[in-house]
Each structure stands twice: as C-alpha cells, then as structure tokens.
C-alpha atoms as a PDB file:
ATOM      1  CA  MET A   1       5.905 -20.179  -9.610  1.00  0.00           C
ATOM      2  CA  PHE A   2       8.057 -17.595 -11.614  1.00  0.00           C
ATOM      3  CA  SER A   3       5.654 -14.409 -10.602  1.00  0.00           C
ATOM      4  CA  CYS A   4       5.915 -15.383  -7.244  1.00  0.00           C
ATOM      5  CA  ILE A   5       9.406 -15.546  -7.214  1.00  0.00           C
ATOM      6  CA  LYS A   6      10.021 -12.353  -9.263  1.00  0.00           C
ATOM      7  CA  ASN A   7       7.859 -10.508  -6.555  1.00  0.00           C
ATOM      8  CA  HIS A   8       8.759 -11.179  -3.339  1.00  0.00           C
ATOM      9  CA  PHE A   9      12.542 -10.946  -4.494  1.00  0.00           C
ATOM     10  CA  LEU A  10      11.392  -6.727  -5.789  1.00  0.00           C
ATOM     11  CA  LEU A  11       9.352  -6.724  -2.357  1.00  0.00           C
ATOM     12  CA  LEU A  12      13.123  -7.688  -0.687  1.00  0.00           C
ATOM     13  CA  LEU A  13      14.788  -5.873  -2.416  1.00  0.00           C
ATOM     14  CA  GLY A  14      12.393  -2.852  -2.036  1.00  0.00           C
ATOM     15  CA  LEU A  15      12.703  -3.188   1.516  1.00  0.00           C
ATOM     16  CA  VAL A  16      16.406  -3.548   1.712  1.00  0.00           C
ATOM     17  CA  ILE A  17      16.701   0.057   0.055  1.00  0.00           C
ATOM     18  CA  VAL A  18      13.799   1.350   2.182  1.00  0.00           C
ATOM     19  CA  PHE A  19      15.378   0.398   5.828  1.00  0.00           C
ATOM     20  CA  SER A  20      18.637   1.545   4.288  1.00  0.00           C
ATOM     21  CA  MET A  21      17.967   4.616   3.378  1.00  0.00           C
ATOM     22  CA  CYS A  22      15.507   4.972   7.207  1.00  0.00           C
ATOM     23  CA  PHE A  23      18.774   3.830   8.813  1.00  0.00           C
ATOM     24  CA  CYS A  24      21.167   5.944   7.154  1.00  0.00           C
ATOM     25  CA  ALA A  25      19.111   9.030   7.881  1.00  0.00           C
ATOM     26  CA  ILE A  26      18.362   8.474  11.511  1.00  0.00           C
ATOM     27  CA  PHE A  27      21.904   7.346  12.395  1.00  0.00           C
ATOM     28  CA  ALA A  28      23.710   9.908  10.356  1.00  0.00           C
ATOM     29  CA  PRO A  29      25.720  11.496  12.890  1.00  0.00           C
ATOM     30  CA  PHE A  30      27.708   8.109  13.358  1.00  0.00           C
ATOM     31  CA  PHE A  31      28.939   7.886   9.874  1.00  0.00           C
ATOM     32  CA  THR A  32      30.399  10.900   9.340  1.00  0.00           C
ATOM     33  CA  PRO A  33      32.886  12.933  11.638  1.00  0.00           C
ATOM     34  CA  TYR A  34      31.124  16.614  10.013  1.00  0.00           C
ATOM     35  CA  LEU A  35      28.280  18.438  10.324  1.00  0.00           C
ATOM     36  CA  PRO A  36      26.024  19.142   7.441  1.00  0.00           C
ATOM     37  CA  ASN A  37      26.940  23.068   7.467  1.00  0.00           C
ATOM     38  CA  GLU A  38      30.343  23.088   8.644  1.00  0.00           C
ATOM     39  CA  LEU A  39      32.639  25.192   6.194  1.00  0.00           C
ATOM     40  CA  ASN A  40      36.021  24.948   5.318  1.00  0.00           C
ATOM     41  CA  LEU A  41      36.894  27.410   2.867  1.00  0.00           C
ATOM     42  CA  ASN A  42      40.591  25.695   2.431  1.00  0.00           C
ATOM     43  CA  GLN A  43      38.840  22.328   0.877  1.00  0.00           C
ATOM     44  CA  ILE A  44      36.626  24.096  -1.719  1.00  0.00           C
ATOM     45  CA  LEU A  45      35.506  21.262  -4.504  1.00  0.00           C
ATOM     46  CA  HIS A  46      37.947  18.895  -3.233  1.00  0.00           C
ATOM     47  CA  ALA A  47      37.404  16.012  -5.786  1.00  0.00           C
ATOM     48  CA  PRO A  48      36.256  12.579  -3.594  1.00  0.00           C
ATOM     49  CA  SER A  49      38.449  11.024  -1.557  1.00  0.00           C
ATOM     50  CA  ALA A  50      39.426   8.990   1.765  1.00  0.00           C
ATOM     51  CA  GLU A  51      38.838  12.179   3.660  1.00  0.00           C
ATOM     52  CA  HIS A  52      35.696  12.989   1.883  1.00  0.00           C
ATOM     53  CA  LEU A  53      33.854   9.787   0.758  1.00  0.00           C
ATOM     54  CA  MET A  54      31.597  11.928  -2.185  1.00  0.00           C
ATOM     55  CA  GLY A  55      34.022  15.152  -2.356  1.00  0.00           C
ATOM     56  CA  THR A  56      33.240  18.698  -1.248  1.00  0.00           C
ATOM     57  CA  ASP A  57      30.814  21.891  -2.656  1.00  0.00           C
ATOM     58  CA  ALA A  58      31.856  25.420  -3.080  1.00  0.00           C
ATOM     59  CA  LEU A  59      31.748  25.992   0.281  1.00  0.00           C
ATOM     60  CA  GLY A  60      33.887  23.054   1.628  1.00  0.00           C
ATOM     61  CA  ARG A  61      31.094  21.383   3.008  1.00  0.00           C
ATOM     62  CA  ASP A  62      30.960  17.535   3.430  1.00  0.00           C
ATOM     63  CA  VAL A  63      29.166  16.486   0.454  1.00  0.00           C
ATOM     64  CA  PHE A  64      27.933  13.091   1.909  1.00  0.00           C
ATOM     65  CA  THR A  65      27.354  14.683   5.253  1.00  0.00           C
ATOM     66  CA  ARG A  66      24.785  16.421   3.770  1.00  0.00           C
ATOM     67  CA  LEU A  67      23.563  14.210   1.468  1.00  0.00           C
ATOM     68  CA  LEU A  68      22.606  11.880   5.090  1.00  0.00           C
ATOM     69  CA  TYR A  69      21.294  14.685   6.642  1.00  0.00           C
ATOM     70  CA  GLY A  70      18.953  15.415   3.469  1.00  0.00           C
ATOM     71  CA  ALA A  71      17.604  11.823   3.439  1.00  0.00           C
ATOM     72  CA  ARG A  72      16.203  13.064   6.646  1.00  0.00           C
ATOM     73  CA  VAL A  73      14.270  15.898   4.938  1.00  0.00           C
ATOM     74  CA  SER A  74      13.088  13.999   2.269  1.00  0.00           C
ATOM     75  CA  LEU A  75      11.848  10.724   4.206  1.00  0.00           C
ATOM     76  CA  TRP A  76      10.087  13.045   6.298  1.00  0.00           C
ATOM     77  CA  VAL A  77       8.579  15.119   4.079  1.00  0.00           C
ATOM     78  CA  GLY A  78       7.675  11.459   2.282  1.00  0.00           C
ATOM     79  CA  PHE A  79       6.239  10.503   5.317  1.00  0.00           C
ATOM     80  CA  ILE A  80       4.369  12.875   7.431  1.00  0.00           C
ATOM     81  CA  ALA A  81       2.741  14.200   3.595  1.00  0.00           C
ATOM     82  CA  VAL A  82       1.926  10.861   2.897  1.00  0.00           C
ATOM     83  CA  GLY A  83      -0.139  10.571   6.343  1.00  0.00           C
ATOM     84  CA  ILE A  84      -2.218  13.612   5.982  1.00  0.00           C
ATOM     85  CA  SER A  85      -3.211  12.737   2.428  1.00  0.00           C
ATOM     86  CA  SER A  86      -3.860   8.873   3.565  1.00  0.00           C
ATOM     87  CA  PHE A  87      -6.048  10.393   6.874  1.00  0.00           C
ATOM     88  CA  ILE A  88      -7.559  12.876   3.969  1.00  0.00           C
ATOM     89  CA  GLY A  89      -8.310  10.305   1.500  1.00  0.00           C
ATOM     90  CA  ILE A  90      -9.584   7.712   4.001  1.00  0.00           C
ATOM     91  CA  THR A  91     -12.030   9.633   5.860  1.00  0.00           C
ATOM     92  CA  LEU A  92     -13.471  10.967   2.511  1.00  0.00           C
ATOM     93  CA  GLY A  93     -13.127   7.357   1.030  1.00  0.00           C
ATOM     94  CA  LEU A  94     -14.781   5.975   3.682  1.00  0.00           C
ATOM     95  CA  ILE A  95     -17.816   8.552   4.055  1.00  0.00           C
ATOM     96  CA  SER A  96     -18.491   8.476   0.646  1.00  0.00           C
ATOM     97  CA  GLY A  97     -18.639   5.099  -0.415  1.00  0.00           C
ATOM     98  CA  TYR A  98     -20.329   4.330   2.879  1.00  0.00           C
ATOM     99  CA  PHE A  99     -23.625   6.699   2.575  1.00  0.00           C
ATOM    100  CA  GLY A 100     -23.936   7.735  -1.145  1.00  0.00           C
ATOM    101  CA  GLY A 101     -26.344   9.905  -2.170  1.00  0.00           C
ATOM    102  CA  ILE A 102     -25.485  13.366  -1.750  1.00  0.00           C
ATOM    103  CA  ILE A 103     -22.805  13.128   0.562  1.00  0.00           C
ATOM    104  CA  ASP A 104     -21.069  11.272  -2.146  1.00  0.00           C
ATOM    105  CA  GLU A 105     -21.815  13.866  -4.787  1.00  0.00           C
ATOM    106  CA  ILE A 106     -20.366  16.324  -3.128  1.00  0.00           C
ATOM    107  CA  ILE A 107     -17.338  14.746  -2.546  1.00  0.00           C
ATOM    108  CA  MET A 108     -16.770  13.099  -5.646  1.00  0.00           C
ATOM    109  CA  ARG A 109     -17.074  16.674  -7.334  1.00  0.00           C
ATOM    110  CA  LEU A 110     -14.543  17.729  -4.740  1.00  0.00           C
ATOM    111  CA  VAL A 111     -12.382  15.264  -6.431  1.00  0.00           C
ATOM    112  CA  ASP A 112     -12.738  15.960 -10.017  1.00  0.00           C
ATOM    113  CA  ILE A 113     -12.226  19.970  -9.144  1.00  0.00           C
ATOM    114  CA  MET A 114      -8.931  18.916  -7.727  1.00  0.00           C
ATOM    115  CA  LEU A 115      -8.293  16.537 -10.212  1.00  0.00           C
ATOM    116  CA  CYS A 116      -8.586  19.235 -12.955  1.00  0.00           C
ATOM    117  CA  PHE A 117      -5.451  21.241 -11.755  1.00  0.00           C
ATOM    118  CA  PRO A 118      -1.884  19.474 -12.850  1.00  0.00           C
ATOM    119  CA  SER A 119      -0.816  18.559  -9.129  1.00  0.00           C
ATOM    120  CA  PHE A 120       2.603  19.822  -9.579  1.00  0.00           C
ATOM    121  CA  PHE A 121       1.715  23.480 -10.561  1.00  0.00           C
ATOM    122  CA  LEU A 122      -1.096  23.628  -8.042  1.00  0.00           C
ATOM    123  CA  ILE A 123       1.679  22.816  -5.609  1.00  0.00           C
ATOM    124  CA  LEU A 124       3.740  25.712  -7.150  1.00  0.00           C
ATOM    125  CA  ALA A 125       1.034  28.158  -6.880  1.00  0.00           C
ATOM    126  CA  VAL A 126       0.310  27.645  -3.150  1.00  0.00           C
ATOM    127  CA  ILE A 127       4.277  27.844  -2.496  1.00  0.00           C
ATOM    128  CA  ALA A 128       4.707  30.727  -3.947  1.00  0.00           C
ATOM    129  CA  PHE A 129       2.199  32.498  -1.630  1.00  0.00           C
ATOM    130  CA  LEU A 130       3.649  30.958   0.988  1.00  0.00           C
ATOM    131  CA  GLU A 131       7.110  31.120   3.000  1.00  0.00           C
ATOM    132  CA  PRO A 132       8.994  28.298   1.484  1.00  0.00           C
ATOM    133  CA  SER A 133       9.918  26.093   4.587  1.00  0.00           C
ATOM    134  CA  LEU A 134       9.774  22.427   5.402  1.00  0.00           C
ATOM    135  CA  THR A 135       6.299  22.790   6.751  1.00  0.00           C
ATOM    136  CA  ASN A 136       4.631  24.520   4.557  1.00  0.00           C
ATOM    137  CA  ILE A 137       5.797  21.597   2.034  1.00  0.00           C
ATOM    138  CA  MET A 138       4.809  19.119   3.769  1.00  0.00           C
ATOM    139  CA  ILE A 139       1.310  20.417   4.467  1.00  0.00           C
ATOM    140  CA  VAL A 140       0.797  21.487   0.753  1.00  0.00           C
ATOM    141  CA  ILE A 141       1.873  18.121  -0.138  1.00  0.00           C
ATOM    142  CA  GLY A 142      -0.576  16.322   1.687  1.00  0.00           C
ATOM    143  CA  PHE A 143      -3.105  18.521   0.802  1.00  0.00           C
ATOM    144  CA  THR A 144      -2.897  18.150  -2.734  1.00  0.00           C
ATOM    145  CA  SER A 145      -2.298  14.193  -2.948  1.00  0.00           C
ATOM    146  CA  TRP A 146      -5.454  12.487  -1.546  1.00  0.00           C
ATOM    147  CA  THR A 147      -7.915  12.744  -4.381  1.00  0.00           C
ATOM    148  CA  GLY A 148      -6.558   8.949  -5.848  1.00  0.00           C
ATOM    149  CA  LEU A 149      -6.450   7.355  -2.203  1.00  0.00           C
ATOM    150  CA  THR A 150     -10.240   8.909  -1.742  1.00  0.00           C
ATOM    151  CA  ARG A 151     -11.768   7.354  -5.367  1.00  0.00           C
ATOM    152  CA  LEU A 152      -9.400   4.130  -3.907  1.00  0.00           C
ATOM    153  CA  VAL A 153     -10.992   3.929  -0.929  1.00  0.00           C
ATOM    154  CA  ARG A 154     -14.473   4.728  -2.083  1.00  0.00           C
ATOM    155  CA  ALA A 155     -14.344   1.598  -4.591  1.00  0.00           C
ATOM    156  CA  GLU A 156     -13.421  -0.370  -1.785  1.00  0.00           C
ATOM    157  CA  THR A 157     -16.109   0.633   0.137  1.00  0.00           C
ATOM    158  CA  LEU A 158     -18.622   0.344  -2.209  1.00  0.00           C
ATOM    159  CA  SER A 159     -18.047  -3.320  -2.030  1.00  0.00           C
ATOM    160  CA  LEU A 160     -17.763  -4.084   1.158  1.00  0.00           C
ATOM    161  CA  ARG A 161     -20.531  -2.179   2.534  1.00  0.00           C
ATOM    162  CA  GLU A 162     -23.125  -5.060   0.556  1.00  0.00           C
ATOM    163  CA  ARG A 163     -21.369  -7.760   2.437  1.00  0.00           C
ATOM    164  CA  ASP A 164     -23.184  -9.969   4.810  1.00  0.00           C
ATOM    165  CA  PHE A 165     -20.491  -9.030   7.852  1.00  0.00           C
ATOM    166  CA  ILE A 166     -21.907  -5.532   7.333  1.00  0.00           C
ATOM    167  CA  ALA A 167     -25.469  -6.603   7.566  1.00  0.00           C
ATOM    168  CA  ALA A 168     -24.774  -8.981  10.545  1.00  0.00           C
ATOM    169  CA  ALA A 169     -22.688  -5.379  12.056  1.00  0.00           C
ATOM    170  CA  LYS A 170     -25.880  -3.353  11.838  1.00  0.00           C
ATOM    171  CA  LEU A 171     -28.336  -6.179  12.904  1.00  0.00           C
ATOM    172  CA  SER A 172     -26.282  -6.468  16.520  1.00  0.00           C
ATOM    173  CA  GLY A 173     -26.874  -2.739  16.778  1.00  0.00           C
ATOM    174  CA  ALA A 174     -23.467  -1.133  16.039  1.00  0.00           C
ATOM    175  CA  SER A 175     -23.084   2.629  15.418  1.00  0.00           C
ATOM    176  CA  LYS A 176     -22.289   3.822  11.762  1.00  0.00           C
ATOM    177  CA  VAL A 177     -18.741   5.453  13.011  1.00  0.00           C
ATOM    178  CA  ARG A 178     -17.706   1.402  14.342  1.00  0.00           C
ATOM    179  CA  ILE A 179     -19.015  -0.254  11.103  1.00  0.00           C
ATOM    180  CA  LEU A 180     -16.625   2.495   9.425  1.00  0.00           C
ATOM    181  CA  PHE A 181     -13.823   2.273  11.248  1.00  0.00           C
ATOM    182  CA  ILE A 182     -13.472  -1.348  12.780  1.00  0.00           C
ATOM    183  CA  HIS A 183     -15.373  -3.352   9.658  1.00  0.00           C
ATOM    184  CA  ILE A 184     -14.816  -1.882   6.845  1.00  0.00           C
ATOM    185  CA  LEU A 185     -11.745   0.031   7.053  1.00  0.00           C
ATOM    186  CA  PRO A 186      -9.334  -3.016   8.063  1.00  0.00           C
ATOM    187  CA  ASN A 187     -10.173  -4.799   4.865  1.00  0.00           C
ATOM    188  CA  THR A 188      -8.971  -1.464   2.666  1.00  0.00           C
ATOM    189  CA  LEU A 189      -5.737  -1.263   4.222  1.00  0.00           C
ATOM    190  CA  ALA A 190      -4.426  -3.556   1.402  1.00  0.00           C
ATOM    191  CA  PRO A 191      -4.834  -1.002  -1.578  1.00  0.00           C
ATOM    192  CA  VAL A 192      -4.243   1.699   0.864  1.00  0.00           C
ATOM    193  CA  LEU A 193      -0.722   0.421   2.073  1.00  0.00           C
ATOM    194  CA  VAL A 194       0.081   0.359  -1.509  1.00  0.00           C
ATOM    195  CA  SER A 195      -1.419   3.637  -2.432  1.00  0.00           C
ATOM    196  CA  ALA A 196       0.514   4.977   0.255  1.00  0.00           C
ATOM    197  CA  THR A 197       4.516   3.175  -0.444  1.00  0.00           C
ATOM    198  CA  LEU A 198       3.726   5.097  -3.956  1.00  0.00           C
ATOM    199  CA  GLY A 199       2.566   8.060  -2.646  1.00  0.00           C
ATOM    200  CA  ILE A 200       6.188   8.257  -0.693  1.00  0.00           C
ATOM    201  CA  ALA A 201       7.866   7.711  -3.666  1.00  0.00           C
ATOM    202  CA  GLY A 202       5.642  10.717  -5.128  1.00  0.00           C
ATOM    203  CA  ALA A 203       6.664  13.371  -2.656  1.00  0.00           C
ATOM    204  CA  ILE A 204      10.146  12.834  -2.178  1.00  0.00           C
ATOM    205  CA  LEU A 205      10.150  13.750  -5.844  1.00  0.00           C
ATOM    206  CA  VAL A 206       8.392  16.629  -5.497  1.00  0.00           C
ATOM    207  CA  GLU A 207       9.948  18.233  -2.759  1.00  0.00           C
ATOM    208  CA  SER A 208      13.068  18.072  -4.384  1.00  0.00           C
ATOM    209  CA  SER A 209      11.472  19.546  -7.457  1.00  0.00           C
ATOM    210  CA  LEU A 210      10.781  22.145  -5.125  1.00  0.00           C
ATOM    211  CA  SER A 211      14.232  22.466  -3.026  1.00  0.00           C
ATOM    212  CA  PHE A 212      15.754  22.593  -6.986  1.00  0.00           C
ATOM    213  CA  LEU A 213      13.550  25.475  -7.904  1.00  0.00           C
ATOM    214  CA  GLY A 214      14.184  27.163  -5.086  1.00  0.00           C
ATOM    215  CA  LEU A 215      10.788  26.844  -3.258  1.00  0.00           C
ATOM    216  CA  GLY A 216      11.590  24.408  -0.960  1.00  0.00           C
ATOM    217  CA  VAL A 217      14.051  23.664   1.319  1.00  0.00           C
ATOM    218  CA  GLN A 218      16.002  26.688   1.539  1.00  0.00           C
ATOM    219  CA  PRO A 219      20.022  27.103   2.357  1.00  0.00           C
ATOM    220  CA  PRO A 220      21.914  26.669   4.359  1.00  0.00           C
ATOM    221  CA  ASP A 221      19.975  23.168   5.214  1.00  0.00           C
ATOM    222  CA  PRO A 222      20.324  20.558   3.297  1.00  0.00           C
ATOM    223  CA  SER A 223      17.982  18.791   0.914  1.00  0.00           C
ATOM    224  CA  TRP A 224      18.978  16.508  -2.321  1.00  0.00           C
ATOM    225  CA  GLY A 225      16.650  19.355  -4.413  1.00  0.00           C
ATOM    226  CA  ASN A 226      19.051  22.343  -3.354  1.00  0.00           C
ATOM    227  CA  MET A 227      22.179  20.072  -3.356  1.00  0.00           C
ATOM    228  CA  LEU A 228      21.325  19.211  -7.071  1.00  0.00           C
ATOM    229  CA  LEU A 229      21.099  23.225  -7.703  1.00  0.00           C
ATOM    230  CA  ASP A 230      23.937  23.853  -6.028  1.00  0.00           C
ATOM    231  CA  GLY A 231      26.050  21.459  -8.318  1.00  0.00           C
ATOM    232  CA  LYS A 232      24.247  22.846 -11.637  1.00  0.00           C
ATOM    233  CA  ASP A 233      26.371  25.897 -11.630  1.00  0.00           C
ATOM    234  CA  VAL A 234      29.578  23.849 -11.519  1.00  0.00           C
ATOM    235  CA  LEU A 235      28.344  20.581 -13.281  1.00  0.00           C
ATOM    236  CA  SER A 236      32.000  20.568 -15.426  1.00  0.00           C
ATOM    237  CA  ASN A 237      33.843  21.503 -12.592  1.00  0.00           C
ATOM    238  CA  ALA A 238      32.914  19.541 -10.187  1.00  0.00           C
ATOM    239  CA  PRO A 239      29.838  16.543 -11.304  1.00  0.00           C
ATOM    240  CA  TRP A 240      29.832  15.037  -8.434  1.00  0.00           C
ATOM    241  CA  LEU A 241      27.841  17.481  -6.671  1.00  0.00           C
ATOM    242  CA  SER A 242      24.934  16.388  -8.823  1.00  0.00           C
ATOM    243  CA  PHE A 243      25.710  13.014  -9.544  1.00  0.00           C
ATOM    244  CA  PHE A 244      25.401  11.855  -5.460  1.00  0.00           C
ATOM    245  CA  PRO A 245      22.390  13.491  -5.049  1.00  0.00           C
ATOM    246  CA  GLY A 246      20.994  12.400  -7.998  1.00  0.00           C
ATOM    247  CA  ILE A 247      21.682   9.289  -7.760  1.00  0.00           C
ATOM    248  CA  ALA A 248      20.159   9.215  -3.780  1.00  0.00           C
ATOM    249  CA  ILE A 249      17.051  10.504  -5.396  1.00  0.00           C
ATOM    250  CA  PHE A 250      17.045   7.845  -8.335  1.00  0.00           C
ATOM    251  CA  ILE A 251      17.783   4.761  -5.444  1.00  0.00           C
ATOM    252  CA  THR A 252      15.162   5.874  -2.863  1.00  0.00           C
ATOM    253  CA  VAL A 253      12.236   6.534  -5.485  1.00  0.00           C
ATOM    254  CA  LEU A 254      13.290   3.307  -6.599  1.00  0.00           C
ATOM    255  CA  GLY A 255      13.128   1.505  -3.470  1.00  0.00           C
ATOM    256  CA  TYR A 256       9.567   2.596  -2.873  1.00  0.00           C
ATOM    257  CA  ASN A 257       8.430   2.172  -6.349  1.00  0.00           C
ATOM    258  CA  LEU A 258       9.656  -1.433  -6.038  1.00  0.00           C
ATOM    259  CA  LEU A 259       7.947  -1.641  -2.624  1.00  0.00           C
ATOM    260  CA  GLY A 260       4.723  -0.731  -4.068  1.00  0.00           C
ATOM    261  CA  GLU A 261       4.420  -2.575  -6.890  1.00  0.00           C
ATOM    262  CA  SER A 262       5.036  -5.638  -5.058  1.00  0.00           C
ATOM    263  CA  LEU A 263       3.085  -4.990  -2.894  1.00  0.00           C
ATOM    264  CA  ARG A 264       0.458  -4.804  -5.177  1.00  0.00           C
ATOM    265  CA  ASP A 265       1.249  -7.757  -7.124  1.00  0.00           C
ATOM    266  CA  ILE A 266       0.875 -10.148  -3.634  1.00  0.00           C
ATOM    267  CA  PHE A 267      -2.004  -8.553  -2.351  1.00  0.00           C
ATOM    268  CA  ASP A 268      -4.030  -8.721  -6.090  1.00  0.00           C
ATOM    269  CA  PRO A 269      -5.981 -11.350  -5.806  1.00  0.00           C
ATOM    270  CA  ARG A 270      -5.452 -11.592 -10.016  1.00  0.00           C
ATOM    271  CA  THR A 271      -2.204 -12.688  -9.744  1.00  0.00           C
ATOM    272  CA  LYS A 272      -2.858 -15.674  -7.295  1.00  0.00           C
ATOM    273  CA  LYS A 273      -3.518 -18.819  -9.183  1.00  0.00           C
ATOM    274  CA  ARG A 274      -6.001 -21.261  -7.704  1.00  0.00           C
END
C-alpha cells in the first residue's frame, strides 16, 4: 500500500515538474518583458532584484529571460533526440527479435560495436568534425543513443512472438509488417515509454555538457549549458549566473527521472501485489 502511494506521488511530482518546464518554455514571451539577447550595458552584472528576477549577465542581458528561452533549447533537444533514437531502436529491436537468425546476429553485433565506445566521447568526436549547431546536436545524440532501446525491444519481442495471439495472427494470414506493428509493438510500449522518458533527461544533460564545452548551442543563442559557461569566469562576483541554470538543469532532469522511475515501478508486474 505504502509503495503504491509512493509511486503515484513520485509520478505526480515528476509530471508537475515536466509540465511546468514545458509550460514555461512554450509561453516564455509572456513571462518577461525582455528579449533573450537584449543588451543593456548600464545594468551589467546586476544582482537579482524586482526588475531582474535572476539578475543580469556580463552584457546586461536578463538571466530569467535567457533561462526560459534556454528551456526551449534543452527540451527541444531532448524530445527530438529521443524521437530519433526511439525510431531506430524500436525498428531494429522488432526486426531483430522477430526474425532472429542472421538478421538478429548482424543487428546485435552492431549494437555491441556501438556499446564499445563511451557515448559521450563518441558524441564529442562526431561533433568535433561537424559545425556546432542545434540540429547537429539533436541528430548526433539520436543516432548514438538507440542501443539500449534496441536490446529492450528485442527482448520483449522474443517473448511476445511465442504467444498464442501471434500464432493466431499468423494463421489468419496477417503480414509480417502487420504482426510487428499492430500486434507486437503495442505490447512493448510500456518499457519503451519508460526508456524514452529517462532518455530525455540524458539528452538534456548531454546537450548542456556540450554547450558548456563550447561544442553545443553557440552564443548569443541561450542554452543552459552556455549560460553555465558564461558564469564560470565571474563565479565569485556573480554566482547567480551559474546557480540558476544549474538549478534548472537539476530540477528538469530530476523531474524526468522521477517520472521514468515511477512509470517503471507502476508498469513492472513484479511490484504489483496479487
């Protein structure tokens, strides 16, 4: 009983954080009268006040405004990157688990090769040869983070393909494509949803790390990562420049992790009492 209440409380808390961040990102222009790149050289490094809720940076730009617009970048990267990786992972996992044989061997060896390289360093290596941009970041993160989902969907497909309803579908003359995407795929969506939710948190962290290293979103466009980079050099004089984007990253990642973990506990049959 207590475990059920805890899971639903964490689920609610995660949903509140996630929807709050999405709401603030979408309606950012309505929360502040400033523009994200609006300079005000008369108010350089002003501390948080009623006029500037989170202070100003070294160019007089409003930190609160840039934080809200930076949320758009982080969330957009998370959704698009996870969408790309989910499409690749689900497709390869279904094909590998359903057909087996040499196809399964090829896909699994490809997964093993990808897992030999640390994901973040692989992303760094690819980004180093490409022009740092938001589009490149989303594509690279998506194309390097599908391996775990592939193995998860493959394991679910191996179990489902032996079920009676799959045998009935085959006897009814259903095509392999219909069996894969109509009968098997819907039964794998619960673990896929959990993996995708946790993947968004990971993508946000990767994007912030790349931007902090100067390989992500380029100035003057706001991003939580490059806001941390801007605040690094004036940390002793203007700690709010690093504090607020750091807190935003922490709360957003925490929200997605809470949401993913609580969904996993809810969907996991081993946590349900008979």
